PDB file of N, CA and C in Angstrom:
ATOM      1  N   MET A   1      96.094 144.011 -86.507  1.00  0.00           N
ATOM      2  CA  MET A   1      95.331 143.983 -85.672  1.00  0.00           C
ATOM      3  C   MET A   1      93.995 144.944 -85.682  1.00  0.00           C
ATOM      4  N   VAL A   2      94.161 146.115 -86.324  1.00  0.00           N
ATOM      5  CA  VAL A   2      93.553 146.788 -86.672  1.00  0.00           C
ATOM      6  C   VAL A   2      92.908 147.039 -87.784  1.00  0.00           C
ATOM      7  N   VAL A   3      93.474 145.833 -88.621  1.00  0.00           N
ATOM      8  CA  VAL A   3      92.494 145.613 -89.801  1.00  0.00           C
ATOM      9  C   VAL A   3      91.505 144.498 -89.192  1.00  0.00           C
ATOM     10  N   PHE A   4      91.639 143.823 -88.584  1.00  0.00           N
ATOM     11  CA  PHE A   4      90.994 142.896 -88.111  1.00  0.00           C
ATOM     12  C   PHE A   4      89.623 143.724 -87.150  1.00  0.00           C
ATOM     13  N   PHE A   5      89.804 144.399 -86.443  1.00  0.00           N
ATOM     14  CA  PHE A   5      88.827 145.208 -85.758  1.00  0.00           C
ATOM     15  C   PHE A   5      88.204 146.151 -86.482  1.00  0.00           C
ATOM     16  N   ASN A   6      88.830 146.462 -87.680  1.00  0.00           N
ATOM     17  CA  ASN A   6      88.179 147.490 -88.457  1.00  0.00           C
ATOM     18  C   ASN A   6      87.081 146.741 -89.503  1.00  0.00           C
ATOM     19  N   LYS A   7      87.088 145.424 -89.612  1.00  0.00           N
ATOM     20  CA  LYS A   7      86.088 144.461 -90.664  1.00  0.00           C
ATOM     21  C   LYS A   7      85.145 144.079 -89.330  1.00  0.00           C
ATOM     22  N   ILE A   8      85.390 143.899 -88.209  1.00  0.00           N
ATOM     23  CA  ILE A   8      84.599 143.547 -87.270  1.00  0.00           C
ATOM     24  C   ILE A   8      83.450 145.080 -86.841  1.00  0.00           C
ATOM     25  N   GLY A   9      84.430 146.026 -86.879  1.00  0.00           N
ATOM     26  CA  GLY A   9      83.431 147.214 -86.673  1.00  0.00           C
ATOM     27  C   GLY A   9      82.519 147.602 -87.511  1.00  0.00           C
ATOM     28  N   CYS A  10      83.264 147.612 -88.504  1.00  0.00           N
ATOM     29  CA  CYS A  10      81.769 147.884 -89.814  1.00  0.00           C
ATOM     30  C   CYS A  10      80.520 146.685 -89.925  1.00  0.00           C
ATOM     31  N   SER A  11      81.044 145.395 -89.741  1.00  0.00           N
ATOM     32  CA  SER A  11      80.097 144.497 -89.653  1.00  0.00           C
ATOM     33  C   SER A  11      79.159 144.863 -88.380  1.00  0.00           C
ATOM     34  N   PHE A  12      79.664 145.263 -87.320  1.00  0.00           N
ATOM     35  CA  PHE A  12      78.927 145.067 -86.104  1.00  0.00           C
ATOM     36  C   PHE A  12      78.026 146.564 -86.287  1.00  0.00           C
ATOM     37  N   LEU A  13      78.727 147.743 -87.111  1.00  0.00           N
ATOM     38  CA  LEU A  13      77.858 148.759 -87.162  1.00  0.00           C
ATOM     39  C   LEU A  13      76.497 148.599 -88.098  1.00  0.00           C
ATOM     40  N   SER A  14      76.924 147.938 -89.419  1.00  0.00           N
ATOM     41  CA  SER A  14      75.719 147.588 -90.173  1.00  0.00           C
ATOM     42  C   SER A  14      74.597 146.907 -89.657  1.00  0.00           C
ATOM     43  N   ILE A  15      74.893 145.616 -88.853  1.00  0.00           N
ATOM     44  CA  ILE A  15      74.010 145.118 -88.272  1.00  0.00           C
ATOM     45  C   ILE A  15      73.123 145.864 -87.098  1.00  0.00           C
ATOM     46  N   SER A  16      73.700 146.687 -86.223  1.00  0.00           N
ATOM     47  CA  SER A  16      73.108 147.315 -85.491  1.00  0.00           C
ATOM     48  C   SER A  16      72.522 148.461 -85.799  1.00  0.00           C
ATOM     49  N   LEU A  17      72.722 149.127 -87.276  1.00  0.00           N
ATOM     50  CA  LEU A  17      71.601 150.012 -87.761  1.00  0.00           C
ATOM     51  C   LEU A  17      70.862 149.359 -88.529  1.00  0.00           C
ATOM     52  N   TYR A  18      70.677 148.305 -88.984  1.00  0.00           N
ATOM     53  CA  TYR A  18      69.865 147.285 -89.633  1.00  0.00           C
ATOM     54  C   TYR A  18      68.444 147.171 -88.303  1.00  0.00           C
ATOM     55  N   PHE A  19      69.204 146.632 -87.317  1.00  0.00           N
ATOM     56  CA  PHE A  19      68.042 146.250 -86.304  1.00  0.00           C
ATOM     57  C   PHE A  19      67.245 147.779 -85.663  1.00  0.00           C
ATOM     58  N   PHE A  20      68.038 148.733 -85.547  1.00  0.00           N
ATOM     59  CA  PHE A  20      67.514 149.909 -84.836  1.00  0.00           C
ATOM     60  C   PHE A  20      66.587 150.541 -85.931  1.00  0.00           C
ATOM     61  N   CYS A  21      66.761 150.564 -87.117  1.00  0.00           N
ATOM     62  CA  CYS A  21      65.711 150.967 -88.590  1.00  0.00           C
ATOM     63  C   CYS A  21      64.670 149.920 -88.291  1.00  0.00           C
ATOM     64  N   PHE A  22      64.857 148.767 -88.251  1.00  0.00           N
ATOM     65  CA  PHE A  22      63.456 147.710 -88.473  1.00  0.00           C
ATOM     66  C   PHE A  22      62.968 147.436 -87.288  1.00  0.00           C
ATOM     67  N   THR A  23      63.284 148.229 -85.972  1.00  0.00           N
ATOM     68  CA  THR A  23      62.574 148.226 -84.516  1.00  0.00           C
ATOM     69  C   THR A  23      62.033 149.471 -84.571  1.00  0.00           C
ATOM     70  N   THR A  24      62.683 150.435 -85.279  1.00  0.00           N
ATOM     71  CA  THR A  24      61.938 151.824 -85.315  1.00  0.00           C
ATOM     72  C   THR A  24      60.742 151.752 -86.446  1.00  0.00           C
ATOM     73  N   LEU A  25      60.814 151.200 -87.379  1.00  0.00           N
ATOM     74  CA  LEU A  25      59.953 151.186 -88.086  1.00  0.00           C
ATOM     75  C   LEU A  25      58.588 150.246 -87.628  1.00  0.00           C
ATOM     76  N   LEU A  26      58.744 149.020 -87.295  1.00  0.00           N
ATOM     77  CA  LEU A  26      57.724 148.417 -86.228  1.00  0.00           C
ATOM     78  C   LEU A  26      57.237 149.327 -85.055  1.00  0.00           C
ATOM     79  N   SER A  27      57.602 149.696 -84.632  1.00  0.00           N
ATOM     80  CA  SER A  27      57.436 150.607 -83.373  1.00  0.00           C
ATOM     81  C   SER A  27      56.560 152.208 -84.108  1.00  0.00           C
ATOM     82  N   TYR A  28      56.845 152.745 -85.332  1.00  0.00           N
ATOM     83  CA  TYR A  28      55.720 153.459 -85.802  1.00  0.00           C
ATOM     84  C   TYR A  28      54.704 152.725 -86.226  1.00  0.00           C
ATOM     85  N   TYR A  29      54.820 151.620 -86.707  1.00  0.00           N
ATOM     86  CA  TYR A  29      53.559 150.894 -87.443  1.00  0.00           C
ATOM     87  C   TYR A  29      52.584 150.574 -86.553  1.00  0.00           C
ATOM     88  N   TYR A  30      53.101 150.238 -84.900  1.00  0.00           N
ATOM     89  CA  TYR A  30      52.294 149.927 -84.109  1.00  0.00           C
ATOM     90  C   TYR A  30      51.544 151.030 -83.544  1.00  0.00           C
ATOM     91  N   LYS A  31      52.282 152.025 -83.353  1.00  0.00           N
ATOM     92  CA  LYS A  31      51.665 153.194 -82.887  1.00  0.00           C
ATOM     93  C   LYS A  31      50.669 153.911 -83.633  1.00  0.00           C
ATOM     94  N   ALA A  32      50.948 153.761 -85.060  1.00  0.00           N
ATOM     95  CA  ALA A  32      50.076 154.191 -86.131  1.00  0.00           C
ATOM     96  C   ALA A  32      48.614 153.239 -86.046  1.00  0.00           C
ATOM     97  N   GLU A  33      48.738 152.118 -86.205  1.00  0.00           N
ATOM     98  CA  GLU A  33      47.663 151.087 -86.102  1.00  0.00           C
ATOM     99  C   GLU A  33      46.951 151.027 -84.794  1.00  0.00           C
ATOM    100  N   THR A  34      47.821 151.317 -83.525  1.00  0.00           N
ATOM    101  CA  THR A  34      46.836 151.768 -82.225  1.00  0.00           C
ATOM    102  C   THR A  34      46.069 152.967 -82.447  1.00  0.00           C
ATOM    103  N   ASN A  35      46.704 154.356 -83.007  1.00  0.00           N
ATOM    104  CA  ASN A  35      46.064 155.302 -83.211  1.00  0.00           C
ATOM    105  C   ASN A  35      44.694 155.205 -83.913  1.00  0.00           C
ATOM    106  N   LEU A  36      45.018 154.184 -85.300  1.00  0.00           N
ATOM    107  CA  LEU A  36      43.496 154.041 -86.007  1.00  0.00           C
ATOM    108  C   LEU A  36      43.017 153.340 -85.284  1.00  0.00           C
ATOM    109  N   ALA A  37      43.153 152.138 -84.293  1.00  0.00           N
ATOM    110  CA  ALA A  37      41.984 151.758 -83.721  1.00  0.00           C
ATOM    111  C   ALA A  37      41.118 152.755 -82.633  1.00  0.00           C
ATOM    112  N   PHE A  38      42.129 153.455 -81.950  1.00  0.00           N
ATOM    113  CA  PHE A  38      41.605 154.552 -81.204  1.00  0.00           C
ATOM    114  C   PHE A  38      40.297 155.458 -81.892  1.00  0.00           C
ATOM    115  N   LEU A  39      40.624 155.783 -82.920  1.00  0.00           N
ATOM    116  CA  LEU A  39      40.043 156.870 -83.982  1.00  0.00           C
ATOM    117  C   LEU A  39      38.644 156.005 -84.300  1.00  0.00           C
ATOM    118  N   THR A  40      38.607 154.650 -84.359  1.00  0.00           N
ATOM    119  CA  THR A  40      37.479 154.162 -84.894  1.00  0.00           C
ATOM    120  C   THR A  40      36.751 153.583 -83.601  1.00  0.00           C
ATOM    121  N   GLY A  41      37.056 153.531 -82.504  1.00  0.00           N
ATOM    122  CA  GLY A  41      36.331 153.462 -81.384  1.00  0.00           C
ATOM    123  C   GLY A  41      36.716 152.254 -80.965  1.00  0.00           C
ATOM    124  N   HIS A  42      37.741 151.661 -80.932  1.00  0.00           N
ATOM    125  CA  HIS A  42      38.267 150.386 -80.125  1.00  0.00           C
ATOM    126  C   HIS A  42      37.433 149.257 -80.469  1.00  0.00           C
ATOM    127  N   GLN A  43      36.852 149.145 -81.760  1.00  0.00           N
ATOM    128  CA  GLN A  43      36.403 148.011 -82.253  1.00  0.00           C
ATOM    129  C   GLN A  43      36.743 147.711 -83.085  1.00  0.00           C
ATOM    130  N   LYS A  44      36.464 146.418 -84.000  1.00  0.00           N
ATOM    131  CA  LYS A  44      37.419 145.525 -84.663  1.00  0.00           C
ATOM    132  C   LYS A  44      36.403 146.282 -85.994  1.00  0.00           C
ATOM    133  N   MET A  45      37.592 146.562 -86.686  1.00  0.00           N
ATOM    134  CA  MET A  45      36.692 147.306 -88.215  1.00  0.00           C
ATOM    135  C   MET A  45      36.191 146.398 -89.096  1.00  0.00           C
ATOM    136  N   LYS A  46      34.804 147.001 -89.661  1.00  0.00           N
ATOM    137  CA  LYS A  46      34.347 146.120 -90.300  1.00  0.00           C
ATOM    138  C   LYS A  46      34.956 146.274 -91.737  1.00  0.00           C
ATOM    139  N   TYR A  47      35.550 147.006 -92.095  1.00  0.00           N
ATOM    140  CA  TYR A  47      36.268 147.319 -93.282  1.00  0.00           C
ATOM    141  C   TYR A  47      38.086 147.454 -93.174  1.00  0.00           C
ATOM    142  N   ASN A  48      38.481 146.359 -93.831  1.00  0.00           N
ATOM    143  CA  ASN A  48      40.159 147.030 -93.417  1.00  0.00           C
ATOM    144  C   ASN A  48      40.952 147.369 -94.382  1.00  0.00           C
ATOM    145  N   TRP A  49      40.240 148.429 -95.089  1.00  0.00           N
ATOM    146  CA  TRP A  49      40.939 149.317 -96.265  1.00  0.00           C
ATOM    147  C   TRP A  49      41.486 150.399 -95.285  1.00  0.00           C
ATOM    148  N   PRO A  50      41.155 150.963 -94.062  1.00  0.00           N
ATOM    149  CA  PRO A  50      42.174 151.862 -93.414  1.00  0.00           C
ATOM    150  C   PRO A  50      43.542 151.166 -92.676  1.00  0.00           C
ATOM    151  N   ILE A  51      43.780 150.092 -92.709  1.00  0.00           N
ATOM    152  CA  ILE A  51      44.718 149.322 -92.259  1.00  0.00           C
ATOM    153  C   ILE A  51      45.500 149.136 -93.441  1.00  0.00           C
ATOM    154  N   HIS A  52      45.283 148.714 -94.734  1.00  0.00           N
ATOM    155  CA  HIS A  52      45.647 148.370 -95.896  1.00  0.00           C
ATOM    156  C   HIS A  52      46.197 149.567 -96.164  1.00  0.00           C
ATOM    157  N   LEU A  53      45.633 150.735 -96.056  1.00  0.00           N
ATOM    158  CA  LEU A  53      46.160 152.008 -96.366  1.00  0.00           C
ATOM    159  C   LEU A  53      47.248 152.550 -95.897  1.00  0.00           C
ATOM    160  N   LEU A  54      47.046 152.147 -94.376  1.00  0.00           N
ATOM    161  CA  LEU A  54      48.437 152.388 -93.400  1.00  0.00           C
ATOM    162  C   LEU A  54      49.647 152.033 -93.855  1.00  0.00           C
ATOM    163  N   LYS A  55      49.641 150.448 -94.238  1.00  0.00           N
ATOM    164  CA  LYS A  55      50.482 149.513 -94.727  1.00  0.00           C
ATOM    165  C   LYS A  55      51.086 150.344 -95.988  1.00  0.00           C
ATOM    166  N   VAL A  56      50.528 150.714 -97.032  1.00  0.00           N
ATOM    167  CA  VAL A  56      51.012 151.409 -98.388  1.00  0.00           C
ATOM    168  C   VAL A  56      51.609 152.590 -97.985  1.00  0.00           C
ATOM    169  N   VAL A  57      50.793 153.515 -97.090  1.00  0.00           N
ATOM    170  CA  VAL A  57      51.518 154.853 -96.537  1.00  0.00           C
ATOM    171  C   VAL A  57      53.032 154.494 -96.065  1.00  0.00           C
ATOM    172  N   LEU A  58      53.008 153.376 -95.398  1.00  0.00           N
ATOM    173  CA  LEU A  58      54.488 153.295 -94.625  1.00  0.00           C
ATOM    174  C   LEU A  58      55.071 152.769 -95.765  1.00  0.00           C
ATOM    175  N   LEU A  59      54.775 151.962 -96.232  1.00  0.00           N
ATOM    176  CA  LEU A  59      55.983 151.543 -97.697  1.00  0.00           C
ATOM    177  C   LEU A  59      56.319 152.523 -98.512  1.00  0.00           C
ATOM    178  N   VAL A  60      55.288 153.356 -98.952  1.00  0.00           N
ATOM    179  CA  VAL A  60      55.729 154.637 -99.620  1.00  0.00           C
ATOM    180  C   VAL A  60      56.869 155.258 -98.532  1.00  0.00           C
ATOM    181  N   ALA A  61      56.892 155.726 -97.816  1.00  0.00           N
ATOM    182  CA  ALA A  61      57.538 156.640 -96.978  1.00  0.00           C
ATOM    183  C   ALA A  61      58.735 155.667 -96.758  1.00  0.00           C
ATOM    184  N   VAL A  62      59.042 154.516 -96.321  1.00  0.00           N
ATOM    185  CA  VAL A  62      60.071 153.857 -96.232  1.00  0.00           C
ATOM    186  C   VAL A  62      60.901 153.706 -97.874  1.00  0.00           C
ATOM    187  N   PHE A  63      60.319 153.442 -98.886  1.00  0.00           N
ATOM    188  CA  PHE A  63      60.695 153.707-100.335  1.00  0.00           C
ATOM    189  C   PHE A  63      61.225 155.427-100.453  1.00  0.00           C
ATOM    190  N   TYR A  64      60.391 156.056-100.294  1.00  0.00           N
ATOM    191  CA  TYR A  64      61.015 157.324-100.290  1.00  0.00           C
ATOM    192  C   TYR A  64      62.247 157.883 -99.402  1.00  0.00           C
ATOM    193  N   GLY A  65      62.178 157.357 -98.181  1.00  0.00           N
ATOM    194  CA  GLY A  65      63.304 157.455 -97.505  1.00  0.00           C
ATOM    195  C   GLY A  65      64.500 156.963 -98.008  1.00  0.00           C
ATOM    196  N   CYS A  66      64.514 156.067 -98.644  1.00  0.00           N
ATOM    197  CA  CYS A  66      65.624 155.361 -99.231  1.00  0.00           C
ATOM    198  C   CYS A  66      66.066 155.759-100.652  1.00  0.00           C
ATOM    199  N   VAL A  67      65.141 156.802-101.472  1.00  0.00           N
ATOM    200  CA  VAL A  67      65.907 157.171-102.646  1.00  0.00           C
ATOM    201  C   VAL A  67      65.812 158.583-102.415  1.00  0.00           C
ATOM    202  N   ARG A  68      65.716 159.198-101.669  1.00  0.00           N
ATOM    203  CA  ARG A  68      65.856 160.758-101.786  1.00  0.00           C
ATOM    204  C   ARG A  68      67.055 161.031-100.485  1.00  0.00           C
ATOM    205  N   SER A  69      67.216 162.040-100.785  1.00  0.00           N
ATOM    206  CA  SER A  69      68.681 162.532 -99.798  1.00  0.00           C
ATOM    207  C   SER A  69      68.368 162.858 -98.447  1.00  0.00           C
ATOM    208  N   ALA A  70      69.462 162.444 -97.497  1.00  0.00           N
ATOM    209  CA  ALA A  70      69.137 162.775 -96.369  1.00  0.00           C
ATOM    210  C   ALA A  70      68.525 164.222 -96.191  1.00  0.00           C
ATOM    211  N   THR A  71      68.842 165.488 -96.882  1.00  0.00           N
ATOM    212  CA  THR A  71      68.412 166.525 -96.345  1.00  0.00           C
ATOM    213  C   THR A  71      66.864 166.608 -96.736  1.00  0.00           C
ATOM    214  N   ALA A  72      66.439 165.822 -97.643  1.00  0.00           N
ATOM    215  CA  ALA A  72      65.137 166.018 -97.931  1.00  0.00           C
ATOM    216  C   ALA A  72      64.362 165.512 -96.922  1.00  0.00           C
ATOM    217  N   VAL A  73      64.791 164.129 -96.369  1.00  0.00           N
ATOM    218  CA  VAL A  73      64.031 163.183 -95.665  1.00  0.00           C
ATOM    219  C   VAL A  73      63.925 164.034 -94.393  1.00  0.00           C
ATOM    220  N   TRP A  74      64.949 164.797 -93.460  1.00  0.00           N
ATOM    221  CA  TRP A  74      64.990 165.431 -92.203  1.00  0.00           C
ATOM    222  C   TRP A  74      64.243 166.764 -92.576  1.00  0.00           C
ATOM    223  N   ALA A  75      64.092 167.259 -93.833  1.00  0.00           N
ATOM    224  CA  ALA A  75      63.101 168.452 -93.918  1.00  0.00           C
ATOM    225  C   ALA A  75      61.740 168.155 -93.869  1.00  0.00           C
ATOM    226  N   LEU A  76      61.643 166.672 -94.437  1.00  0.00           N
ATOM    227  CA  LEU A  76      60.196 166.036 -94.339  1.00  0.00           C
ATOM    228  C   LEU A  76      59.760 165.746 -92.809  1.00  0.00           C
ATOM    229  N   GLY A  77      60.714 164.993 -91.911  1.00  0.00           N
ATOM    230  CA  GLY A  77      60.468 165.184 -90.852  1.00  0.00           C
ATOM    231  C   GLY A  77      60.448 166.370 -89.776  1.00  0.00           C
ATOM    232  N   ASP A  78      60.832 167.395 -90.410  1.00  0.00           N
ATOM    233  CA  ASP A  78      60.689 168.504 -89.412  1.00  0.00           C
ATOM    234  C   ASP A  78      59.562 169.204 -89.981  1.00  0.00           C
ATOM    235  N   LEU A  79      58.779 169.022 -90.736  1.00  0.00           N
ATOM    236  CA  LEU A  79      57.895 169.619 -91.379  1.00  0.00           C
ATOM    237  C   LEU A  79      56.689 168.918 -90.358  1.00  0.00           C
ATOM    238  N   GLY A  80      56.664 167.475 -90.381  1.00  0.00           N
ATOM    239  CA  GLY A  80      55.785 166.847 -89.668  1.00  0.00           C
ATOM    240  C   GLY A  80      55.919 167.127 -88.110  1.00  0.00           C
ATOM    241  N   TRP A  81      57.002 167.451 -87.528  1.00  0.00           N
ATOM    242  CA  TRP A  81      56.984 167.514 -86.423  1.00  0.00           C
ATOM    243  C   TRP A  81      56.333 168.997 -85.997  1.00  0.00           C
ATOM    244  N   GLU A  82      56.933 170.041 -86.585  1.00  0.00           N
ATOM    245  CA  GLU A  82      56.045 171.663 -86.856  1.00  0.00           C
ATOM    246  C   GLU A  82      54.619 171.255 -86.861  1.00  0.00           C
ATOM    247  N   GLN A  83      53.980 170.656 -87.553  1.00  0.00           N
ATOM    248  CA  GLN A  83      52.633 170.069 -87.701  1.00  0.00           C
ATOM    249  C   GLN A  83      52.034 169.884 -86.272  1.00  0.00           C
ATOM    250  N   TRP A  84      52.572 168.942 -85.696  1.00  0.00           N
ATOM    251  CA  TRP A  84      52.229 168.398 -84.062  1.00  0.00           C
ATOM    252  C   TRP A  84      52.412 169.521 -83.167  1.00  0.00           C
ATOM    253  N   HIS A  85      53.839 169.721 -82.725  1.00  0.00           N
ATOM    254  CA  HIS A  85      54.485 170.682 -81.692  1.00  0.00           C
ATOM    255  C   HIS A  85      54.347 172.238 -82.024  1.00  0.00           C
ATOM    256  N   GLY A  86      54.257 172.653 -83.166  1.00  0.00           N
ATOM    257  CA  GLY A  86      54.039 173.833 -83.312  1.00  0.00           C
ATOM    258  C   GLY A  86      53.250 174.900 -83.405  1.00  0.00           C
TER     259      GLY A  86
END
């Protein structure tokens, strides 16, 4: 019985963590794109390079977070937090 729940528990935790991370990234992208629209005056941008730059920055950040240690990622997050709230 313990072995059965252990396997299901690991699978459930993995799937839950995947969906949490995915929805968090979607939320961050939505907030960033909305802020970009606000900064450009709520009008349709003539050039799409800011949106493409935002996508590239997000992809680089995700890759960096995957290959670096958790300590480095938390330190980077703390640095960003201090910039806005410090």
